[in-house]
Amino acid sequence: MKESFVVQDAYVFKEETHLTVLKTSLFFAGDGFTVYDCHGQLVFRVDTYGPDARDKDELVLMDPHGLCLLTVRRKRPSLHQRWEGFKGERMDGDKPIFSVKRSSIIGRSRAGLTVEVYEDDGRGEEQQYYQIEGCFSQRNCTVYNVTKESMAEIRRKVDQTTSVMLGKEVFTLCVKPGFDGAFAMGLILVLDQINGDDYVDSGTETTVHPTAED
C-alpha cells in the first residue's frame, strides 16, 4: 500500500505547505473558493457555485489556469449523502477514485463521515485509510493516516500583523510533506457541502477508506 493517496503529483509537496483558503459568498455566480500559497500566488480555485452553476450537486476543483483537477459530485439517491470524487473533469461512465459519506443516518447532525478511496494496483482495488477529526464548521480539523500521523490540518487564520483571528470565510490548510493538496481540497469541498446541509458537530470523525456502495 502506498503511503498516501495522490490525485495530482504536482500538488504533493516536499515540505510542509500552508495554503490560505478564501470562501466567497454563495449568492452570486462565480463564487466558491480561491486558494493561495504563502507568496500570494493562486494555487486552486472553485467557481462552480452560484445561480449559473451547471449542476448544484457537482463541484470542480481547478488549477490557476482553469484546468480541471478534480470533480466532486453528490450521488443520488443515497441515504448517507454520499459524495464521489473523479480525477479531472467527470464524464459519463467514469469511475470515482474516492467517495465520502455519512457514517450513519441516525443522528445526522452528529454523524461522522466515511471516506472510501479506490486505487487499482493491478491486482484489484487497494485500500487506503484516513481519518478526519475535528469540527469543520469551526475550521478545526485534522486528517490522519492509518498510523495516526497528521497529513493535513484545517485551522482558523490569524492575521500575523495584528494577531487577530479572521472570520470563518478565511482559513488555513496545512498540507504535510507527501500528502496531496488537491485531494485535501477535494475533502474540503465535500465537508463544506455537508456542513451547509446542517452538518454541525463539535467532534467530527471521518474515516477514509475504500469500501462498497450504500
N, C-alpha and C. Protein backbone atom coordinates (compact mmCIF):
# COMPACT_ATOMS: atom_id res chain seq x y z
N MET A 1 0.84 -1.20 0.00
CA MET A 1 0.00 0.00 0.00
C MET A 1 0.88 1.25 0.00
N LYS A 2 0.53 2.22 -0.85
CA LYS A 2 1.27 3.46 -0.87
C LYS A 2 0.98 4.27 0.39
N GLU A 3 1.91 5.16 0.73
CA GLU A 3 1.78 5.91 1.96
C GLU A 3 0.63 6.90 1.92
N SER A 4 0.34 7.47 0.75
CA SER A 4 -0.76 8.42 0.67
C SER A 4 -1.40 8.37 -0.71
N PHE A 5 -2.62 8.82 -0.75
CA PHE A 5 -3.41 8.83 -1.98
C PHE A 5 -3.09 10.07 -2.78
N VAL A 6 -2.91 9.92 -4.09
CA VAL A 6 -2.48 11.04 -4.93
C VAL A 6 -3.47 11.26 -6.07
N VAL A 7 -3.96 12.49 -6.17
CA VAL A 7 -4.80 12.90 -7.30
C VAL A 7 -3.92 13.54 -8.37
N GLN A 8 -3.04 14.46 -7.95
CA GLN A 8 -2.13 15.16 -8.86
C GLN A 8 -0.74 15.21 -8.25
N ASP A 9 0.24 14.61 -8.92
CA ASP A 9 1.61 14.59 -8.40
C ASP A 9 2.15 16.00 -8.17
N ALA A 10 1.73 16.95 -9.00
CA ALA A 10 2.25 18.32 -8.89
C ALA A 10 1.89 18.98 -7.57
N TYR A 11 0.87 18.45 -6.89
CA TYR A 11 0.44 19.05 -5.62
C TYR A 11 0.80 18.21 -4.41
N VAL A 12 1.73 17.27 -4.62
CA VAL A 12 2.30 16.54 -3.49
C VAL A 12 3.56 17.30 -3.08
N PHE A 13 3.47 18.05 -2.01
CA PHE A 13 4.54 18.97 -1.61
C PHE A 13 5.64 18.24 -0.85
N LYS A 14 6.89 18.65 -1.10
CA LYS A 14 8.04 18.04 -0.44
C LYS A 14 8.23 18.59 0.97
N GLU A 15 7.72 19.78 1.21
CA GLU A 15 7.82 20.40 2.52
C GLU A 15 6.43 20.76 3.03
N GLU A 16 6.31 20.94 4.33
CA GLU A 16 5.03 21.36 4.89
C GLU A 16 4.62 22.68 4.25
N THR A 17 3.40 22.71 3.75
CA THR A 17 2.93 23.86 2.97
C THR A 17 1.66 24.42 3.58
N HIS A 18 1.65 25.74 3.78
CA HIS A 18 0.48 26.41 4.34
C HIS A 18 -0.23 27.18 3.24
N LEU A 19 -1.47 26.83 3.00
CA LEU A 19 -2.29 27.48 2.00
C LEU A 19 -3.39 28.29 2.68
N THR A 20 -3.71 29.43 2.10
CA THR A 20 -4.81 30.25 2.60
C THR A 20 -6.03 30.01 1.73
N VAL A 21 -7.12 29.57 2.35
CA VAL A 21 -8.36 29.26 1.63
C VAL A 21 -9.37 30.37 1.90
N LEU A 22 -9.87 30.97 0.84
CA LEU A 22 -10.86 32.03 0.95
C LEU A 22 -12.17 31.51 0.37
N LYS A 23 -13.19 31.43 1.23
CA LYS A 23 -14.51 31.03 0.77
C LYS A 23 -15.32 32.29 0.51
N THR A 24 -15.83 32.42 -0.72
CA THR A 24 -16.60 33.59 -1.08
C THR A 24 -18.09 33.31 -0.87
N SER A 25 -18.89 34.34 -0.96
CA SER A 25 -20.33 34.22 -0.77
C SER A 25 -20.93 33.26 -1.78
N LEU A 26 -22.03 32.62 -1.40
CA LEU A 26 -22.70 31.68 -2.30
C LEU A 26 -23.88 32.31 -3.02
N PHE A 27 -23.99 33.63 -2.99
CA PHE A 27 -25.18 34.28 -3.53
C PHE A 27 -25.03 34.74 -4.98
N PHE A 28 -23.82 34.69 -5.53
CA PHE A 28 -23.61 35.19 -6.87
C PHE A 28 -22.85 34.19 -7.71
N ALA A 29 -23.05 34.24 -9.01
CA ALA A 29 -22.34 33.35 -9.92
C ALA A 29 -20.83 33.57 -9.82
N GLY A 30 -20.08 32.49 -9.95
CA GLY A 30 -18.63 32.59 -9.88
C GLY A 30 -18.08 32.49 -8.48
N ASP A 31 -18.94 32.27 -7.49
CA ASP A 31 -18.47 32.16 -6.12
C ASP A 31 -17.95 30.76 -5.85
N GLY A 32 -17.29 30.59 -4.71
CA GLY A 32 -16.75 29.29 -4.37
C GLY A 32 -15.56 29.43 -3.44
N PHE A 33 -14.38 29.03 -3.92
CA PHE A 33 -13.15 29.11 -3.15
C PHE A 33 -12.01 29.61 -4.03
N THR A 34 -11.10 30.35 -3.42
CA THR A 34 -9.80 30.61 -4.02
C THR A 34 -8.76 30.24 -2.98
N VAL A 35 -7.67 29.64 -3.43
CA VAL A 35 -6.63 29.13 -2.52
C VAL A 35 -5.29 29.70 -2.95
N TYR A 36 -4.56 30.27 -1.98
CA TYR A 36 -3.29 30.93 -2.27
C TYR A 36 -2.16 30.32 -1.45
N ASP A 37 -0.94 30.39 -1.99
CA ASP A 37 0.22 29.94 -1.22
C ASP A 37 0.74 31.09 -0.36
N CYS A 38 1.85 30.87 0.34
CA CYS A 38 2.38 31.87 1.26
C CYS A 38 2.91 33.11 0.55
N HIS A 39 3.08 33.04 -0.79
CA HIS A 39 3.56 34.18 -1.56
C HIS A 39 2.41 34.93 -2.23
N GLY A 40 1.18 34.51 -1.94
CA GLY A 40 0.02 35.15 -2.54
C GLY A 40 -0.30 34.68 -3.93
N GLN A 41 0.34 33.58 -4.38
CA GLN A 41 0.08 33.05 -5.71
C GLN A 41 -1.12 32.10 -5.67
N LEU A 42 -1.99 32.20 -6.66
CA LEU A 42 -3.16 31.35 -6.74
C LEU A 42 -2.75 29.90 -6.99
N VAL A 43 -3.30 28.98 -6.20
CA VAL A 43 -2.98 27.56 -6.31
C VAL A 43 -4.18 26.77 -6.85
N PHE A 44 -5.36 27.00 -6.25
CA PHE A 44 -6.58 26.33 -6.68
C PHE A 44 -7.70 27.37 -6.75
N ARG A 45 -8.74 27.03 -7.51
CA ARG A 45 -9.95 27.83 -7.48
C ARG A 45 -11.16 26.95 -7.76
N VAL A 46 -12.26 27.34 -7.18
CA VAL A 46 -13.54 26.65 -7.37
C VAL A 46 -14.57 27.74 -7.59
N ASP A 47 -15.16 27.79 -8.77
CA ASP A 47 -16.15 28.84 -9.03
C ASP A 47 -17.39 28.28 -9.69
N THR A 48 -17.76 27.07 -9.29
CA THR A 48 -18.95 26.45 -9.87
C THR A 48 -20.18 26.65 -9.00
N TYR A 49 -20.05 27.45 -7.91
CA TYR A 49 -21.22 27.79 -7.11
C TYR A 49 -22.03 28.88 -7.82
N GLY A 50 -23.19 29.20 -7.24
CA GLY A 50 -23.96 30.33 -7.73
C GLY A 50 -25.08 29.91 -8.65
N PRO A 51 -25.96 30.85 -9.02
CA PRO A 51 -27.15 30.52 -9.82
C PRO A 51 -26.86 30.03 -11.22
N ASP A 52 -25.65 30.30 -11.75
CA ASP A 52 -25.32 29.86 -13.10
C ASP A 52 -24.55 28.55 -13.10
N ALA A 53 -24.38 27.91 -11.95
CA ALA A 53 -23.65 26.64 -11.90
C ALA A 53 -24.37 25.61 -12.76
N ARG A 54 -23.58 24.80 -13.48
CA ARG A 54 -24.19 23.83 -14.38
C ARG A 54 -24.90 22.73 -13.60
N ASP A 55 -24.45 22.47 -12.41
CA ASP A 55 -25.04 21.40 -11.61
C ASP A 55 -24.74 21.70 -10.15
N LYS A 56 -25.76 22.00 -9.36
CA LYS A 56 -25.54 22.37 -7.97
C LYS A 56 -24.97 21.22 -7.16
N ASP A 57 -25.08 19.98 -7.69
CA ASP A 57 -24.58 18.81 -6.98
C ASP A 57 -23.20 18.39 -7.49
N GLU A 58 -22.55 19.24 -8.25
CA GLU A 58 -21.24 18.90 -8.79
C GLU A 58 -20.31 20.11 -8.69
N LEU A 59 -19.14 19.92 -8.12
CA LEU A 59 -18.16 20.99 -7.95
C LEU A 59 -16.85 20.59 -8.63
N VAL A 60 -16.17 21.57 -9.19
CA VAL A 60 -14.93 21.31 -9.92
C VAL A 60 -13.77 22.08 -9.28
N LEU A 61 -12.73 21.37 -8.92
CA LEU A 61 -11.50 21.98 -8.41
C LEU A 61 -10.56 22.22 -9.58
N MET A 62 -10.14 23.47 -9.75
CA MET A 62 -9.30 23.83 -10.90
C MET A 62 -7.95 24.36 -10.46
N ASP A 63 -7.00 24.30 -11.37
CA ASP A 63 -5.70 24.93 -11.13
C ASP A 63 -5.82 26.42 -11.46
N PRO A 64 -4.75 27.22 -11.30
CA PRO A 64 -4.85 28.66 -11.56
C PRO A 64 -5.25 29.01 -12.99
N HIS A 65 -5.04 28.09 -13.92
CA HIS A 65 -5.32 28.36 -15.33
C HIS A 65 -6.70 27.85 -15.76
N GLY A 66 -7.46 27.30 -14.81
CA GLY A 66 -8.79 26.82 -15.14
C GLY A 66 -8.85 25.37 -15.56
N LEU A 67 -7.72 24.65 -15.48
CA LEU A 67 -7.70 23.23 -15.81
C LEU A 67 -8.35 22.44 -14.68
N CYS A 68 -9.28 21.57 -15.03
CA CYS A 68 -9.98 20.77 -14.04
C CYS A 68 -9.06 19.70 -13.46
N LEU A 69 -8.87 19.72 -12.15
CA LEU A 69 -8.05 18.73 -11.47
C LEU A 69 -8.88 17.60 -10.88
N LEU A 70 -10.05 17.98 -10.36
CA LEU A 70 -10.86 17.03 -9.60
C LEU A 70 -12.32 17.48 -9.63
N THR A 71 -13.23 16.53 -9.80
CA THR A 71 -14.65 16.80 -9.73
C THR A 71 -15.26 16.03 -8.57
N VAL A 72 -16.02 16.71 -7.72
CA VAL A 72 -16.76 16.02 -6.67
C VAL A 72 -18.25 16.17 -6.98
N ARG A 73 -18.96 15.07 -6.83
CA ARG A 73 -20.36 15.04 -7.23
C ARG A 73 -21.19 14.32 -6.17
N ARG A 74 -22.33 14.89 -5.82
CA ARG A 74 -23.25 14.25 -4.89
C ARG A 74 -23.93 13.07 -5.59
N LYS A 75 -23.89 11.93 -4.95
CA LYS A 75 -24.53 10.75 -5.51
C LYS A 75 -25.98 10.70 -5.06
N ARG A 76 -26.89 10.53 -5.99
CA ARG A 76 -28.31 10.42 -5.68
C ARG A 76 -28.88 9.16 -6.33
N PRO A 77 -29.77 8.44 -5.66
CA PRO A 77 -30.15 8.64 -4.24
C PRO A 77 -29.09 8.03 -3.33
N SER A 78 -29.03 8.53 -2.11
CA SER A 78 -28.09 7.99 -1.13
C SER A 78 -28.56 8.39 0.26
N LEU A 79 -28.92 7.42 1.06
CA LEU A 79 -29.38 7.70 2.41
C LEU A 79 -28.29 8.35 3.25
N HIS A 80 -27.03 8.03 2.93
CA HIS A 80 -25.90 8.52 3.72
C HIS A 80 -25.32 9.81 3.16
N GLN A 81 -25.98 10.41 2.16
CA GLN A 81 -25.48 11.61 1.49
C GLN A 81 -24.06 11.40 1.00
N ARG A 82 -23.90 10.51 0.06
CA ARG A 82 -22.59 10.17 -0.47
C ARG A 82 -22.14 11.17 -1.53
N TRP A 83 -20.89 11.58 -1.44
CA TRP A 83 -20.24 12.36 -2.48
C TRP A 83 -19.12 11.52 -3.08
N GLU A 84 -18.89 11.67 -4.40
CA GLU A 84 -17.85 10.90 -5.07
C GLU A 84 -16.87 11.86 -5.75
N GLY A 85 -15.60 11.46 -5.78
CA GLY A 85 -14.56 12.26 -6.41
C GLY A 85 -14.05 11.60 -7.67
N PHE A 86 -13.86 12.39 -8.71
CA PHE A 86 -13.39 11.89 -10.01
C PHE A 86 -12.16 12.69 -10.43
N LYS A 87 -11.17 12.01 -10.96
CA LYS A 87 -9.98 12.71 -11.43
C LYS A 87 -10.30 13.49 -12.70
N GLY A 88 -9.91 14.76 -12.72
CA GLY A 88 -10.18 15.60 -13.87
C GLY A 88 -11.66 15.93 -13.99
N GLU A 89 -12.09 16.22 -15.20
CA GLU A 89 -13.49 16.54 -15.46
C GLU A 89 -14.28 15.25 -15.59
N ARG A 90 -15.33 15.12 -14.81
CA ARG A 90 -16.11 13.88 -14.82
C ARG A 90 -16.87 13.73 -16.13
N MET A 91 -16.78 12.53 -16.71
CA MET A 91 -17.54 12.18 -17.90
C MET A 91 -18.46 11.02 -17.56
N ASP A 92 -19.55 10.89 -18.30
CA ASP A 92 -20.46 9.77 -18.07
C ASP A 92 -19.70 8.45 -18.20
N GLY A 93 -19.89 7.58 -17.24
CA GLY A 93 -19.21 6.28 -17.27
C GLY A 93 -17.93 6.24 -16.48
N ASP A 94 -17.42 7.41 -16.07
CA ASP A 94 -16.20 7.43 -15.27
C ASP A 94 -16.44 6.81 -13.90
N LYS A 95 -15.41 6.12 -13.39
CA LYS A 95 -15.50 5.56 -12.06
C LYS A 95 -14.87 6.51 -11.05
N PRO A 96 -15.46 6.64 -9.87
CA PRO A 96 -14.89 7.53 -8.85
C PRO A 96 -13.58 6.99 -8.32
N ILE A 97 -12.72 7.89 -7.88
CA ILE A 97 -11.46 7.49 -7.27
C ILE A 97 -11.55 7.52 -5.74
N PHE A 98 -12.56 8.22 -5.23
CA PHE A 98 -12.84 8.17 -3.80
C PHE A 98 -14.29 8.59 -3.57
N SER A 99 -14.82 8.28 -2.40
CA SER A 99 -16.16 8.74 -2.05
C SER A 99 -16.21 9.10 -0.58
N VAL A 100 -17.16 9.94 -0.25
CA VAL A 100 -17.35 10.41 1.12
C VAL A 100 -18.82 10.23 1.48
N LYS A 101 -19.10 9.66 2.64
CA LYS A 101 -20.49 9.52 3.05
C LYS A 101 -20.59 9.64 4.57
N ARG A 102 -21.79 9.92 5.03
CA ARG A 102 -22.06 9.92 6.46
C ARG A 102 -21.90 8.49 6.97
N SER A 103 -21.35 8.36 8.17
CA SER A 103 -21.18 7.03 8.75
C SER A 103 -22.52 6.45 9.19
N SER A 104 -23.49 7.31 9.48
CA SER A 104 -24.79 6.84 9.95
C SER A 104 -25.84 7.87 9.57
N ILE A 105 -27.06 7.38 9.29
CA ILE A 105 -28.17 8.29 9.03
C ILE A 105 -28.94 8.57 10.31
N ILE A 106 -28.51 7.97 11.40
CA ILE A 106 -29.12 8.21 12.71
C ILE A 106 -28.35 9.33 13.39
N GLY A 107 -29.08 10.34 13.87
CA GLY A 107 -28.41 11.48 14.47
C GLY A 107 -27.53 12.18 13.45
N ARG A 108 -28.12 12.56 12.32
CA ARG A 108 -27.36 13.08 11.17
C ARG A 108 -26.45 14.23 11.54
N SER A 109 -26.90 15.12 12.42
CA SER A 109 -26.10 16.31 12.71
C SER A 109 -24.82 15.95 13.47
N ARG A 110 -24.77 14.73 14.05
CA ARG A 110 -23.60 14.35 14.81
C ARG A 110 -22.90 13.14 14.21
N ALA A 111 -23.36 12.72 13.02
CA ALA A 111 -22.76 11.55 12.39
C ALA A 111 -21.37 11.87 11.85
N GLY A 112 -20.47 10.90 11.91
CA GLY A 112 -19.16 11.06 11.31
C GLY A 112 -19.24 10.86 9.81
N LEU A 113 -18.08 10.93 9.15
CA LEU A 113 -18.02 10.70 7.71
C LEU A 113 -17.06 9.57 7.43
N THR A 114 -17.40 8.76 6.44
CA THR A 114 -16.52 7.71 5.97
C THR A 114 -16.05 8.07 4.58
N VAL A 115 -14.74 8.13 4.36
CA VAL A 115 -14.18 8.44 3.05
C VAL A 115 -13.54 7.17 2.51
N GLU A 116 -14.02 6.74 1.36
CA GLU A 116 -13.57 5.50 0.76
C GLU A 116 -12.69 5.82 -0.44
N VAL A 117 -11.46 5.35 -0.43
CA VAL A 117 -10.52 5.65 -1.50
C VAL A 117 -10.28 4.40 -2.34
N TYR A 118 -10.47 4.54 -3.66
CA TYR A 118 -10.32 3.41 -4.57
C TYR A 118 -9.02 3.56 -5.35
N GLU A 119 -8.16 2.56 -5.26
CA GLU A 119 -6.94 2.55 -6.06
C GLU A 119 -6.75 1.16 -6.64
N ASP A 120 -6.36 1.11 -7.90
CA ASP A 120 -6.14 -0.16 -8.57
C ASP A 120 -4.65 -0.37 -8.73
N ASP A 121 -4.11 -1.38 -8.03
CA ASP A 121 -2.67 -1.65 -8.09
C ASP A 121 -2.34 -2.72 -9.12
N GLY A 122 -3.33 -3.04 -9.99
CA GLY A 122 -3.10 -4.08 -10.99
C GLY A 122 -3.54 -5.45 -10.53
N ARG A 123 -3.77 -5.59 -9.24
CA ARG A 123 -4.22 -6.86 -8.68
C ARG A 123 -5.58 -6.71 -8.02
N GLY A 124 -6.24 -5.63 -8.35
CA GLY A 124 -7.52 -5.33 -7.71
C GLY A 124 -7.41 -4.05 -6.92
N GLU A 125 -8.51 -3.63 -6.35
CA GLU A 125 -8.51 -2.35 -5.65
C GLU A 125 -7.73 -2.44 -4.34
N GLU A 126 -6.89 -1.45 -4.13
CA GLU A 126 -6.08 -1.35 -2.93
C GLU A 126 -6.74 -0.37 -1.98
N GLN A 127 -6.74 -0.68 -0.71
CA GLN A 127 -7.44 0.16 0.25
C GLN A 127 -6.51 1.19 0.88
N GLN A 128 -7.06 2.39 1.06
CA GLN A 128 -6.36 3.46 1.76
C GLN A 128 -7.25 3.91 2.91
N TYR A 129 -6.64 4.23 4.03
CA TYR A 129 -7.39 4.65 5.19
C TYR A 129 -6.89 6.00 5.70
N TYR A 130 -7.83 6.90 5.94
CA TYR A 130 -7.55 8.16 6.60
C TYR A 130 -8.66 8.42 7.61
N GLN A 131 -8.43 9.36 8.48
CA GLN A 131 -9.46 9.75 9.43
C GLN A 131 -9.39 11.25 9.63
N ILE A 132 -10.55 11.89 9.62
CA ILE A 132 -10.62 13.32 9.87
C ILE A 132 -11.29 13.53 11.23
N GLU A 133 -10.61 14.23 12.10
CA GLU A 133 -11.15 14.50 13.42
C GLU A 133 -11.23 16.01 13.63
N GLY A 134 -12.31 16.46 14.23
CA GLY A 134 -12.46 17.88 14.50
C GLY A 134 -13.81 18.39 14.06
N CYS A 135 -13.89 19.68 13.88
CA CYS A 135 -15.16 20.33 13.54
C CYS A 135 -14.93 21.30 12.38
N PHE A 136 -15.43 20.95 11.20
CA PHE A 136 -15.20 21.81 10.04
C PHE A 136 -15.93 23.14 10.18
N SER A 137 -17.10 23.15 10.79
CA SER A 137 -17.84 24.40 10.92
C SER A 137 -17.06 25.43 11.73
N GLN A 138 -16.16 24.94 12.60
CA GLN A 138 -15.30 25.82 13.38
C GLN A 138 -13.90 25.94 12.76
N ARG A 139 -13.74 25.35 11.57
CA ARG A 139 -12.44 25.36 10.87
C ARG A 139 -11.34 24.78 11.77
N ASN A 140 -11.60 23.61 12.29
CA ASN A 140 -10.65 22.96 13.20
C ASN A 140 -10.69 21.45 12.96
N CYS A 141 -9.98 20.99 11.94
CA CYS A 141 -9.97 19.57 11.56
C CYS A 141 -8.54 19.11 11.31
N THR A 142 -8.31 17.83 11.52
CA THR A 142 -7.02 17.21 11.20
C THR A 142 -7.27 15.93 10.43
N VAL A 143 -6.52 15.73 9.35
CA VAL A 143 -6.58 14.49 8.57
C VAL A 143 -5.43 13.60 9.01
N TYR A 144 -5.76 12.40 9.47
CA TYR A 144 -4.74 11.45 9.90
C TYR A 144 -4.69 10.26 8.94
N ASN A 145 -3.50 9.67 8.81
CA ASN A 145 -3.40 8.42 8.06
C ASN A 145 -3.64 7.26 9.01
N VAL A 146 -3.45 6.04 8.52
CA VAL A 146 -3.79 4.86 9.30
C VAL A 146 -2.92 4.71 10.55
N THR A 147 -1.74 5.31 10.54
CA THR A 147 -0.86 5.23 11.72
C THR A 147 -1.00 6.46 12.60
N LYS A 148 -2.08 7.24 12.37
CA LYS A 148 -2.41 8.42 13.17
C LYS A 148 -1.40 9.55 13.03
N GLU A 149 -0.72 9.60 11.88
CA GLU A 149 0.13 10.75 11.57
C GLU A 149 -0.73 11.84 10.94
N SER A 150 -0.49 13.07 11.33
CA SER A 150 -1.23 14.19 10.75
C SER A 150 -0.76 14.42 9.32
N MET A 151 -1.69 14.43 8.37
CA MET A 151 -1.37 14.63 6.96
C MET A 151 -1.82 16.00 6.45
N ALA A 152 -2.85 16.56 7.07
CA ALA A 152 -3.33 17.89 6.69
C ALA A 152 -4.14 18.44 7.85
N GLU A 153 -4.12 19.77 7.98
CA GLU A 153 -4.85 20.41 9.07
C GLU A 153 -5.61 21.63 8.54
N ILE A 154 -6.82 21.81 9.04
CA ILE A 154 -7.63 22.98 8.72
C ILE A 154 -7.77 23.81 9.99
N ARG A 155 -7.37 25.07 9.92
CA ARG A 155 -7.38 25.92 11.10
C ARG A 155 -7.86 27.33 10.74
N ARG A 156 -8.41 28.05 11.73
CA ARG A 156 -8.74 29.46 11.55
C ARG A 156 -7.45 30.23 11.28
N LYS A 157 -7.53 31.22 10.42
CA LYS A 157 -6.35 32.00 10.07
C LYS A 157 -6.23 33.22 10.98
N VAL A 158 -5.00 33.48 11.39
CA VAL A 158 -4.71 34.62 12.26
C VAL A 158 -3.87 35.63 11.49
N ASP A 159 -4.28 36.90 11.52
CA ASP A 159 -3.51 37.97 10.90
C ASP A 159 -2.21 38.15 11.67
N GLN A 160 -1.08 37.88 11.01
CA GLN A 160 0.20 37.91 11.69
C GLN A 160 0.61 39.30 12.17
N THR A 161 0.06 40.32 11.52
CA THR A 161 0.45 41.69 11.90
C THR A 161 -0.33 42.19 13.11
N THR A 162 -1.55 41.68 13.31
CA THR A 162 -2.39 42.18 14.41
C THR A 162 -2.73 41.09 15.43
N SER A 163 -2.39 39.82 15.10
CA SER A 163 -2.73 38.67 15.94
C SER A 163 -4.23 38.51 16.12
N VAL A 164 -5.00 39.04 15.17
CA VAL A 164 -6.46 38.93 15.21
C VAL A 164 -6.90 37.73 14.37
N MET A 165 -7.77 36.90 14.94
CA MET A 165 -8.30 35.76 14.20
C MET A 165 -9.33 36.25 13.18
N LEU A 166 -9.16 35.81 11.94
CA LEU A 166 -10.05 36.24 10.86
C LEU A 166 -11.35 35.45 10.89
N GLY A 167 -12.31 35.87 10.10
CA GLY A 167 -13.60 35.20 10.03
C GLY A 167 -13.48 33.81 9.43
N LYS A 168 -14.55 33.03 9.56
CA LYS A 168 -14.53 31.64 9.10
C LYS A 168 -14.43 31.50 7.59
N GLU A 169 -14.68 32.60 6.86
CA GLU A 169 -14.58 32.52 5.40
C GLU A 169 -13.12 32.49 4.94
N VAL A 170 -12.19 32.75 5.86
CA VAL A 170 -10.76 32.67 5.55
C VAL A 170 -10.12 31.70 6.54
N PHE A 171 -9.49 30.64 6.02
CA PHE A 171 -8.86 29.69 6.92
C PHE A 171 -7.60 29.12 6.28
N THR A 172 -6.84 28.39 7.07
CA THR A 172 -5.57 27.85 6.62
C THR A 172 -5.67 26.35 6.41
N LEU A 173 -5.12 25.87 5.30
CA LEU A 173 -4.96 24.45 5.04
C LEU A 173 -3.47 24.14 5.08
N CYS A 174 -3.05 23.38 6.07
CA CYS A 174 -1.66 22.97 6.20
C CYS A 174 -1.53 21.56 5.64
N VAL A 175 -0.73 21.41 4.60
CA VAL A 175 -0.53 20.11 3.95
C VAL A 175 0.87 19.60 4.29
N LYS A 176 0.93 18.40 4.86
CA LYS A 176 2.20 17.83 5.28
C LYS A 176 2.94 17.21 4.09
N PRO A 177 4.27 17.07 4.19
CA PRO A 177 5.06 16.50 3.09
C PRO A 177 4.54 15.14 2.66
N GLY A 178 4.40 14.95 1.34
CA GLY A 178 3.95 13.67 0.80
C GLY A 178 2.45 13.54 0.66
N PHE A 179 1.68 14.50 1.19
CA PHE A 179 0.22 14.43 1.06
C PHE A 179 -0.21 15.32 -0.10
N ASP A 180 -1.26 14.90 -0.79
CA ASP A 180 -1.70 15.61 -1.99
C ASP A 180 -2.63 16.76 -1.63
N GLY A 181 -2.21 17.99 -1.94
CA GLY A 181 -3.01 19.17 -1.66
C GLY A 181 -4.31 19.19 -2.43
N ALA A 182 -4.34 18.64 -3.64
CA ALA A 182 -5.57 18.61 -4.43
C ALA A 182 -6.59 17.68 -3.78
N PHE A 183 -6.14 16.55 -3.26
CA PHE A 183 -7.03 15.64 -2.55
C PHE A 183 -7.57 16.30 -1.28
N ALA A 184 -6.69 17.00 -0.56
CA ALA A 184 -7.10 17.70 0.65
C ALA A 184 -8.19 18.73 0.33
N MET A 185 -8.02 19.47 -0.76
CA MET A 185 -9.03 20.45 -1.14
C MET A 185 -10.33 19.78 -1.57
N GLY A 186 -10.24 18.61 -2.20
CA GLY A 186 -11.45 17.86 -2.55
C GLY A 186 -12.25 17.50 -1.31
N LEU A 187 -11.54 17.10 -0.24
CA LEU A 187 -12.23 16.78 1.01
C LEU A 187 -12.87 18.03 1.61
N ILE A 188 -12.19 19.18 1.48
CA ILE A 188 -12.75 20.43 2.00
C ILE A 188 -14.05 20.78 1.26
N LEU A 189 -14.09 20.58 -0.05
CA LEU A 189 -15.30 20.87 -0.81
C LEU A 189 -16.48 20.05 -0.29
N VAL A 190 -16.22 18.75 -0.04
CA VAL A 190 -17.29 17.89 0.45
C VAL A 190 -17.69 18.28 1.87
N LEU A 191 -16.71 18.51 2.73
CA LEU A 191 -17.01 18.92 4.10
C LEU A 191 -17.84 20.20 4.12
N ASP A 192 -17.51 21.13 3.23
CA ASP A 192 -18.24 22.40 3.17
C ASP A 192 -19.69 22.17 2.74
N GLN A 193 -19.90 21.27 1.78
CA GLN A 193 -21.25 20.99 1.33
C GLN A 193 -22.07 20.30 2.42
N ILE A 194 -21.47 19.34 3.10
CA ILE A 194 -22.18 18.64 4.16
C ILE A 194 -22.45 19.60 5.32
N ASN A 195 -21.47 20.45 5.61
CA ASN A 195 -21.66 21.45 6.67
C ASN A 195 -22.80 22.39 6.31
N GLY A 196 -22.95 22.69 5.02
CA GLY A 196 -24.02 23.55 4.56
C GLY A 196 -25.39 22.91 4.69
N ASP A 197 -25.41 21.57 4.79
CA ASP A 197 -26.66 20.84 5.00
C ASP A 197 -26.87 20.57 6.48
N ASP A 198 -26.49 21.55 7.29
CA ASP A 198 -26.67 21.48 8.75
C ASP A 198 -25.83 20.39 9.39
N TYR A 199 -24.65 20.12 8.81
CA TYR A 199 -23.73 19.19 9.44
C TYR A 199 -22.88 19.99 10.42
N VAL A 200 -23.25 19.96 11.69
CA VAL A 200 -22.55 20.70 12.72
C VAL A 200 -22.23 19.73 13.85
N ASP A 201 -20.95 19.65 14.22
CA ASP A 201 -20.55 18.72 15.27
C ASP A 201 -19.31 19.26 15.93
N SER A 202 -19.22 19.13 17.21
CA SER A 202 -18.05 19.63 17.93
C SER A 202 -16.91 18.63 17.92
N GLY A 203 -17.14 17.43 17.39
CA GLY A 203 -16.07 16.44 17.39
C GLY A 203 -16.26 15.44 16.28
N THR A 204 -16.19 15.90 15.04
CA THR A 204 -16.42 15.03 13.90
C THR A 204 -15.25 14.10 13.67
N GLU A 205 -15.53 12.83 13.37
CA GLU A 205 -14.50 11.89 12.96
C GLU A 205 -14.83 11.39 11.58
N THR A 206 -13.83 11.38 10.70
CA THR A 206 -14.02 10.95 9.33
C THR A 206 -13.01 9.87 9.02
N THR A 207 -13.49 8.68 8.66
CA THR A 207 -12.60 7.60 8.29
C THR A 207 -12.50 7.55 6.79
N VAL A 208 -11.30 7.41 6.25
CA VAL A 208 -11.07 7.43 4.83
C VAL A 208 -10.60 6.05 4.41
N HIS A 209 -11.42 5.33 3.65
CA HIS A 209 -11.02 4.01 3.18
C HIS A 209 -11.89 3.57 2.04
N PRO A 210 -11.43 2.61 1.22
CA PRO A 210 -12.20 2.15 0.07
C PRO A 210 -13.10 0.99 0.45
N THR A 211 -14.44 1.13 0.24
CA THR A 211 -15.37 0.05 0.52
C THR A 211 -16.46 -0.02 -0.51
N ALA A 212 -17.66 -0.48 -0.08
CA ALA A 212 -18.73 -0.77 -1.03
C ALA A 212 -19.77 0.33 -1.08
N GLU A 213 -20.84 0.06 -1.84
CA GLU A 213 -21.91 1.04 -2.02
C GLU A 213 -22.74 1.14 -0.76
N ASP A 214 -23.65 2.17 -0.76
CA ASP A 214 -24.58 2.32 0.37
C ASP A 214 -25.45 1.08 0.47
